[in-house]
Amino acid sequence: MHPHTTVAPEPARVGVFGGTFDPIHCGHLAAALAARDALHLDEVLLVVANDPWKKSLREIAPAADRLALVEAAVEGEYRLVACDAEIVRGGTSYTVDTLDQLSRSMPGARLFLIVGTDILNEMESWERSERLSELAKVAVITRAGSPPPAGAIARWGAEVVWAETPDVSSTAIREKLRSGAAAEGLVPPPVSALIASRGLYGVHPKLMRR
């Protein structure tokens, strides 16, 4: 009889998609889904920033509310997971700390840092940016007709993921909501309902029926 051979399992492929998510919108979801499928990821962690160092000059919705919005957005979405690592860790949120934490908590996993084209151009200004590509493979989400700069791609050794993402921003959504306009079609329906029930972004809170 031949001896049994043990085949080592493939390392988990985990996407790390961080953001303030203030609020999460359909563009975020489209990017996460595109990365999941193109990179054959076992899961995509949508990491909600606790205290984003780049956004300290404006008021941000409480972390617990932003996390709840992300949880509502990904419910039922295959292999998309809301991650509270930065909130639990507390303090100012730096991506390098999160990647380091995840690499230690998931030994052997291959991490993919998912960013947009605009983010790719500013990553060199991030805290301890030289460690980012040591801890994760950078993947940049880009739309047809908007190719990312070749220099930044080469600098980070980034993998390009083409995605059909709607042209929407959290800033525009907040402005619409505060002006009294609706955000239907810009955020997933469960997110819209939660914004209304919690009275976020100037929306008058609606009482949920028991």
C-alpha atoms as a PDB file:
ATOM      1  CA  MET A   1       0.000   0.000   0.000  1.00  0.00           C
ATOM      2  CA  HIS A   2       1.150   3.464  -0.758  1.00  0.00           C
ATOM      3  CA  PRO A   3       1.589   5.731   2.252  1.00  0.00           C
ATOM      4  CA  HIS A   4      -1.019   8.397   2.586  1.00  0.00           C
ATOM      5  CA  THR A   5       0.183  11.826   1.575  1.00  0.00           C
ATOM      6  CA  THR A   6      -1.109  14.947   3.239  1.00  0.00           C
ATOM      7  CA  VAL A   7      -1.740  17.904   0.991  1.00  0.00           C
ATOM      8  CA  ALA A   8      -1.221  21.187   2.779  1.00  0.00           C
ATOM      9  CA  PRO A   9      -4.243  23.469   2.490  1.00  0.00           C
ATOM     10  CA  GLU A  10      -3.908  26.599   0.423  1.00  0.00           C
ATOM     11  CA  PRO A  11      -3.267  29.694   2.551  1.00  0.00           C
ATOM     12  CA  ALA A  12      -6.362  31.768   3.147  1.00  0.00           C
ATOM     13  CA  ARG A  13      -6.657  34.769   0.843  1.00  0.00           C
ATOM     14  CA  VAL A  14      -8.075  37.678   2.808  1.00  0.00           C
ATOM     15  CA  GLY A  15      -8.945  41.109   1.460  1.00  0.00           C
ATOM     16  CA  VAL A  16      -8.553  44.103   3.768  1.00  0.00           C
ATOM     17  CA  PHE A  17     -10.716  47.035   2.705  1.00  0.00           C
ATOM     18  CA  GLY A  18     -10.512  49.820   5.227  1.00  0.00           C
ATOM     19  CA  GLY A  19     -12.381  53.062   5.409  1.00  0.00           C
ATOM     20  CA  THR A  20     -14.264  55.583   7.480  1.00  0.00           C
ATOM     21  CA  PHE A  21     -17.490  54.348   5.846  1.00  0.00           C
ATOM     22  CA  ASP A  22     -19.328  57.536   6.808  1.00  0.00           C
ATOM     23  CA  PRO A  23     -21.597  56.122   5.458  1.00  0.00           C
ATOM     24  CA  ILE A  24     -20.805  52.966   3.486  1.00  0.00           C
ATOM     25  CA  HIS A  25     -22.348  53.206   0.014  1.00  0.00           C
ATOM     26  CA  CYS A  26     -22.973  51.151  -3.119  1.00  0.00           C
ATOM     27  CA  GLY A  27     -19.562  52.081  -4.545  1.00  0.00           C
ATOM     28  CA  HIS A  28     -17.818  50.537  -1.537  1.00  0.00           C
ATOM     29  CA  LEU A  29     -19.844  47.357  -1.931  1.00  0.00           C
ATOM     30  CA  ALA A  30     -19.177  47.126  -5.669  1.00  0.00           C
ATOM     31  CA  ALA A  31     -15.430  47.513  -5.077  1.00  0.00           C
ATOM     32  CA  ALA A  32     -15.382  44.859  -2.341  1.00  0.00           C
ATOM     33  CA  LEU A  33     -17.333  42.401  -4.487  1.00  0.00           C
ATOM     34  CA  ALA A  34     -15.106  43.026  -7.514  1.00  0.00           C
ATOM     35  CA  ALA A  35     -11.967  42.425  -5.453  1.00  0.00           C
ATOM     36  CA  ARG A  36     -13.443  39.299  -3.907  1.00  0.00           C
ATOM     37  CA  ASP A  37     -14.179  37.774  -7.300  1.00  0.00           C
ATOM     38  CA  ALA A  38     -11.120  38.962  -9.254  1.00  0.00           C
ATOM     39  CA  LEU A  39      -8.610  37.972  -6.571  1.00  0.00           C
ATOM     40  CA  HIS A  40     -10.416  34.767  -5.529  1.00  0.00           C
ATOM     41  CA  LEU A  41     -10.553  35.921  -1.926  1.00  0.00           C
ATOM     42  CA  ASP A  42     -11.880  33.693   0.824  1.00  0.00           C
ATOM     43  CA  GLU A  43     -13.248  36.776   2.533  1.00  0.00           C
ATOM     44  CA  VAL A  44     -13.083  40.546   2.394  1.00  0.00           C
ATOM     45  CA  LEU A  45     -12.847  42.354   5.723  1.00  0.00           C
ATOM     46  CA  LEU A  46     -14.432  45.803   5.629  1.00  0.00           C
ATOM     47  CA  VAL A  47     -12.406  47.429   8.399  1.00  0.00           C
ATOM     48  CA  VAL A  48     -14.178  50.370  10.007  1.00  0.00           C
ATOM     49  CA  ALA A  49     -11.765  53.084  11.146  1.00  0.00           C
ATOM     50  CA  ASN A  50     -12.033  54.102  14.780  1.00  0.00           C
ATOM     51  CA  ASP A  51     -10.355  57.515  14.575  1.00  0.00           C
ATOM     52  CA  PRO A  52      -9.097  58.049  11.007  1.00  0.00           C
ATOM     53  CA  TRP A  53      -6.004  60.241  11.145  1.00  0.00           C
ATOM     54  CA  LYS A  54      -6.746  61.808   7.740  1.00  0.00           C
ATOM     55  CA  LYS A  55     -10.279  62.905   8.709  1.00  0.00           C
ATOM     56  CA  SER A  56      -9.585  64.669  12.007  1.00  0.00           C
ATOM     57  CA  LEU A  57     -10.736  68.091  10.774  1.00  0.00           C
ATOM     58  CA  ARG A  58     -14.406  67.196  10.324  1.00  0.00           C
ATOM     59  CA  GLU A  59     -17.083  65.650  12.488  1.00  0.00           C
ATOM     60  CA  ILE A  60     -17.499  61.924  11.919  1.00  0.00           C
ATOM     61  CA  ALA A  61     -20.412  59.710  12.920  1.00  0.00           C
ATOM     62  CA  PRO A  62     -19.692  57.556  15.990  1.00  0.00           C
ATOM     63  CA  ALA A  63     -17.697  54.423  15.247  1.00  0.00           C
ATOM     64  CA  ALA A  64     -20.446  52.182  16.622  1.00  0.00           C
ATOM     65  CA  ASP A  65     -22.943  53.667  14.164  1.00  0.00           C
ATOM     66  CA  ARG A  66     -20.587  53.387  11.206  1.00  0.00           C
ATOM     67  CA  LEU A  67     -19.871  49.753  12.120  1.00  0.00           C
ATOM     68  CA  ALA A  68     -23.603  49.036  12.337  1.00  0.00           C
ATOM     69  CA  LEU A  69     -24.075  50.521   8.854  1.00  0.00           C
ATOM     70  CA  VAL A  70     -21.348  48.272   7.439  1.00  0.00           C
ATOM     71  CA  GLU A  71     -22.841  45.231   9.178  1.00  0.00           C
ATOM     72  CA  ALA A  72     -26.212  46.067   7.607  1.00  0.00           C
ATOM     73  CA  ALA A  73     -24.611  46.521   4.175  1.00  0.00           C
ATOM     74  CA  VAL A  74     -22.795  43.166   4.124  1.00  0.00           C
ATOM     75  CA  GLU A  75     -25.508  41.033   5.668  1.00  0.00           C
ATOM     76  CA  GLY A  76     -26.250  38.305   3.158  1.00  0.00           C
ATOM     77  CA  GLU A  77     -23.265  39.220   0.949  1.00  0.00           C
ATOM     78  CA  TYR A  78     -21.139  36.118   0.469  1.00  0.00           C
ATOM     79  CA  ARG A  79     -17.680  36.416   2.048  1.00  0.00           C
ATOM     80  CA  LEU A  80     -17.973  40.095   2.932  1.00  0.00           C
ATOM     81  CA  VAL A  81     -17.395  40.661   6.653  1.00  0.00           C
ATOM     82  CA  ALA A  82     -17.621  43.794   8.811  1.00  0.00           C
ATOM     83  CA  CYS A  83     -14.451  44.102  10.905  1.00  0.00           C
ATOM     84  CA  ASP A  84     -14.210  46.073  14.165  1.00  0.00           C
ATOM     85  CA  ALA A  85     -10.476  45.498  14.750  1.00  0.00           C
ATOM     86  CA  GLU A  86      -9.600  49.207  14.683  1.00  0.00           C
ATOM     87  CA  ILE A  87     -12.521  50.144  16.912  1.00  0.00           C
ATOM     88  CA  VAL A  88     -11.607  47.502  19.492  1.00  0.00           C
ATOM     89  CA  ARG A  89      -7.949  48.551  19.354  1.00  0.00           C
ATOM     90  CA  GLY A  90      -8.961  52.163  19.953  1.00  0.00           C
ATOM     91  CA  GLY A  91      -6.962  55.317  19.353  1.00  0.00           C
ATOM     92  CA  THR A  92      -5.917  56.634  15.968  1.00  0.00           C
ATOM     93  CA  SER A  93      -6.376  54.127  13.147  1.00  0.00           C
ATOM     94  CA  TYR A  94      -3.333  53.312  11.034  1.00  0.00           C
ATOM     95  CA  THR A  95      -3.578  50.708   8.281  1.00  0.00           C
ATOM     96  CA  VAL A  96      -0.100  49.349   9.014  1.00  0.00           C
ATOM     97  CA  ASP A  97      -1.148  48.495  12.579  1.00  0.00           C
ATOM     98  CA  THR A  98      -4.255  46.725  11.314  1.00  0.00           C
ATOM     99  CA  LEU A  99      -2.327  44.671   8.765  1.00  0.00           C
ATOM    100  CA  ASP A 100       0.211  43.730  11.412  1.00  0.00           C
ATOM    101  CA  GLN A 101      -2.557  42.704  13.800  1.00  0.00           C
ATOM    102  CA  LEU A 102      -4.343  40.645  11.153  1.00  0.00           C
ATOM    103  CA  SER A 103      -1.149  38.922  10.005  1.00  0.00           C
ATOM    104  CA  ARG A 104      -0.500  37.825  13.593  1.00  0.00           C
ATOM    105  CA  SER A 105      -4.078  36.702  14.221  1.00  0.00           C
ATOM    106  CA  MET A 106      -4.261  34.777  10.931  1.00  0.00           C
ATOM    107  CA  PRO A 107      -0.836  33.150  10.557  1.00  0.00           C
ATOM    108  CA  GLY A 108      -0.188  31.923   7.046  1.00  0.00           C
ATOM    109  CA  ALA A 109      -2.968  33.960   5.474  1.00  0.00           C
ATOM    110  CA  ARG A 110      -2.162  36.058   2.425  1.00  0.00           C
ATOM    111  CA  LEU A 111      -3.475  39.567   2.908  1.00  0.00           C
ATOM    112  CA  PHE A 112      -4.577  41.876   0.087  1.00  0.00           C
ATOM    113  CA  LEU A 113      -4.854  45.589   0.855  1.00  0.00           C
ATOM    114  CA  ILE A 114      -7.709  46.893  -1.309  1.00  0.00           C
ATOM    115  CA  VAL A 115      -7.576  50.584  -2.194  1.00  0.00           C
ATOM    116  CA  GLY A 116      -8.937  52.981  -4.780  1.00  0.00           C
ATOM    117  CA  THR A 117      -6.848  54.825  -7.338  1.00  0.00           C
ATOM    118  CA  ASP A 118      -6.991  58.042  -5.330  1.00  0.00           C
ATOM    119  CA  ILE A 119      -5.718  56.259  -2.234  1.00  0.00           C
ATOM    120  CA  LEU A 120      -2.869  54.590  -4.122  1.00  0.00           C
ATOM    121  CA  ASN A 121      -1.468  58.003  -4.972  1.00  0.00           C
ATOM    122  CA  GLU A 122      -1.263  59.092  -1.336  1.00  0.00           C
ATOM    123  CA  MET A 123      -0.126  55.904   0.394  1.00  0.00           C
ATOM    124  CA  GLU A 124       3.482  57.036   0.652  1.00  0.00           C
ATOM    125  CA  SER A 125       2.318  59.636   3.203  1.00  0.00           C
ATOM    126  CA  TRP A 126       0.812  56.954   5.426  1.00  0.00           C
ATOM    127  CA  GLU A 127       2.259  55.937   8.780  1.00  0.00           C
ATOM    128  CA  ARG A 128       5.189  53.510   8.298  1.00  0.00           C
ATOM    129  CA  SER A 129       4.214  53.148   4.641  1.00  0.00           C
ATOM    130  CA  GLU A 130       7.366  51.186   3.841  1.00  0.00           C
ATOM    131  CA  ARG A 131       5.893  48.211   5.721  1.00  0.00           C
ATOM    132  CA  LEU A 132       2.586  48.071   3.872  1.00  0.00           C
ATOM    133  CA  SER A 133       3.795  45.986   0.937  1.00  0.00           C
ATOM    134  CA  GLU A 134       5.667  43.695   3.329  1.00  0.00           C
ATOM    135  CA  LEU A 135       2.448  42.856   5.132  1.00  0.00           C
ATOM    136  CA  ALA A 136       0.039  42.701   2.187  1.00  0.00           C
ATOM    137  CA  LYS A 137      -0.284  42.610  -1.573  1.00  0.00           C
ATOM    138  CA  VAL A 138      -1.727  45.925  -2.734  1.00  0.00           C
ATOM    139  CA  ALA A 139      -4.760  45.694  -5.017  1.00  0.00           C
ATOM    140  CA  VAL A 140      -6.116  48.855  -6.636  1.00  0.00           C
ATOM    141  CA  ILE A 141      -9.740  49.152  -7.757  1.00  0.00           C
ATOM    142  CA  THR A 142     -10.136  51.137 -10.952  1.00  0.00           C
ATOM    143  CA  ARG A 143     -12.893  51.860 -13.416  1.00  0.00           C
ATOM    144  CA  ALA A 144     -12.695  51.479 -17.173  1.00  0.00           C
ATOM    145  CA  GLY A 145     -11.363  54.681 -18.655  1.00  0.00           C
ATOM    146  CA  SER A 146      -9.626  55.659 -15.417  1.00  0.00           C
ATOM    147  CA  PRO A 147      -6.432  53.608 -15.327  1.00  0.00           C
ATOM    148  CA  PRO A 148      -4.241  54.150 -12.255  1.00  0.00           C
ATOM    149  CA  PRO A 149      -0.825  55.763 -12.794  1.00  0.00           C
ATOM    150  CA  ALA A 150       1.808  53.282 -13.892  1.00  0.00           C
ATOM    151  CA  GLY A 151       4.364  54.778 -11.521  1.00  0.00           C
ATOM    152  CA  ALA A 152       2.241  54.112  -8.456  1.00  0.00           C
ATOM    153  CA  ILE A 153       1.424  50.607  -9.693  1.00  0.00           C
ATOM    154  CA  ALA A 154       5.139  49.846 -10.027  1.00  0.00           C
ATOM    155  CA  ARG A 155       6.007  51.510  -6.709  1.00  0.00           C
ATOM    156  CA  TRP A 156       3.644  49.247  -4.786  1.00  0.00           C
ATOM    157  CA  GLY A 157       3.749  46.198  -7.036  1.00  0.00           C
ATOM    158  CA  ALA A 158      -0.013  46.577  -7.103  1.00  0.00           C
ATOM    159  CA  GLU A 159      -2.475  44.301  -8.809  1.00  0.00           C
ATOM    160  CA  VAL A 160      -5.175  46.087 -10.806  1.00  0.00           C
ATOM    161  CA  VAL A 161      -8.817  45.087 -10.344  1.00  0.00           C
ATOM    162  CA  TRP A 162     -11.204  46.525 -12.921  1.00  0.00           C
ATOM    163  CA  ALA A 163     -14.647  47.198 -11.514  1.00  0.00           C
ATOM    164  CA  GLU A 164     -17.938  48.773 -12.521  1.00  0.00           C
ATOM    165  CA  THR A 165     -18.383  51.038  -9.528  1.00  0.00           C
ATOM    166  CA  PRO A 166     -20.977  53.826  -9.349  1.00  0.00           C
ATOM    167  CA  ASP A 167     -19.723  57.384  -9.196  1.00  0.00           C
ATOM    168  CA  VAL A 168     -20.783  58.131  -5.623  1.00  0.00           C
ATOM    169  CA  SER A 169     -19.061  59.470  -2.524  1.00  0.00           C
ATOM    170  CA  SER A 170     -19.823  59.489   1.183  1.00  0.00           C
ATOM    171  CA  THR A 171     -19.370  63.272   1.181  1.00  0.00           C
ATOM    172  CA  ALA A 172     -22.074  63.754  -1.456  1.00  0.00           C
ATOM    173  CA  ILE A 173     -24.404  61.371   0.384  1.00  0.00           C
ATOM    174  CA  ARG A 174     -23.986  63.240   3.677  1.00  0.00           C
ATOM    175  CA  GLU A 175     -24.734  66.535   1.926  1.00  0.00           C
ATOM    176  CA  LYS A 176     -27.856  65.105   0.282  1.00  0.00           C
ATOM    177  CA  LEU A 177     -29.155  63.689   3.556  1.00  0.00           C
ATOM    178  CA  ARG A 178     -28.490  66.891   5.494  1.00  0.00           C
ATOM    179  CA  SER A 179     -30.344  68.887   2.852  1.00  0.00           C
ATOM    180  CA  GLY A 180     -33.366  66.653   3.297  1.00  0.00           C
ATOM    181  CA  ALA A 181     -32.913  64.684   0.048  1.00  0.00           C
ATOM    182  CA  ALA A 182     -33.083  60.896  -0.103  1.00  0.00           C
ATOM    183  CA  ALA A 183     -30.102  58.621  -0.715  1.00  0.00           C
ATOM    184  CA  GLU A 184     -31.995  55.746  -2.347  1.00  0.00           C
ATOM    185  CA  GLY A 185     -29.858  54.040  -4.940  1.00  0.00           C
ATOM    186  CA  LEU A 186     -26.670  55.415  -3.395  1.00  0.00           C
ATOM    187  CA  VAL A 187     -26.620  53.247  -0.279  1.00  0.00           C
ATOM    188  CA  PRO A 188     -28.003  49.722   0.155  1.00  0.00           C
ATOM    189  CA  PRO A 189     -31.621  49.722   1.420  1.00  0.00           C
ATOM    190  CA  PRO A 190     -30.723  48.278   4.868  1.00  0.00           C
ATOM    191  CA  VAL A 191     -28.204  51.110   5.302  1.00  0.00           C
ATOM    192  CA  SER A 192     -30.796  53.726   4.352  1.00  0.00           C
ATOM    193  CA  ALA A 193     -33.236  52.231   6.874  1.00  0.00           C
ATOM    194  CA  LEU A 194     -30.623  52.223   9.645  1.00  0.00           C
ATOM    195  CA  ILE A 195     -29.618  55.834   8.931  1.00  0.00           C
ATOM    196  CA  ALA A 196     -33.282  56.794   9.301  1.00  0.00           C
ATOM    197  CA  SER A 197     -33.885  54.764  12.458  1.00  0.00           C
ATOM    198  CA  ARG A 198     -30.790  56.162  14.162  1.00  0.00           C
ATOM    199  CA  GLY A 199     -31.249  59.718  12.946  1.00  0.00           C
ATOM    200  CA  LEU A 200     -27.795  59.945  11.386  1.00  0.00           C
ATOM    201  CA  TYR A 201     -26.566  62.743   9.085  1.00  0.00           C
ATOM    202  CA  GLY A 202     -29.367  65.096  10.022  1.00  0.00           C
ATOM    203  CA  VAL A 203     -32.100  62.633   9.065  1.00  0.00           C
ATOM    204  CA  HIS A 204     -35.055  62.848  11.444  1.00  0.00           C
ATOM    205  CA  PRO A 205     -35.089  59.548  13.358  1.00  0.00           C
ATOM    206  CA  LYS A 206     -37.974  57.273  12.510  1.00  0.00           C
ATOM    207  CA  LEU A 207     -39.522  55.076  15.155  1.00  0.00           C
ATOM    208  CA  MET A 208     -39.339  51.435  14.160  1.00  0.00           C
ATOM    209  CA  ARG A 209     -42.527  49.445  14.636  1.00  0.00           C
ATOM    210  CA  ARG A 210     -42.301  46.694  17.220  1.00  0.00           C
END
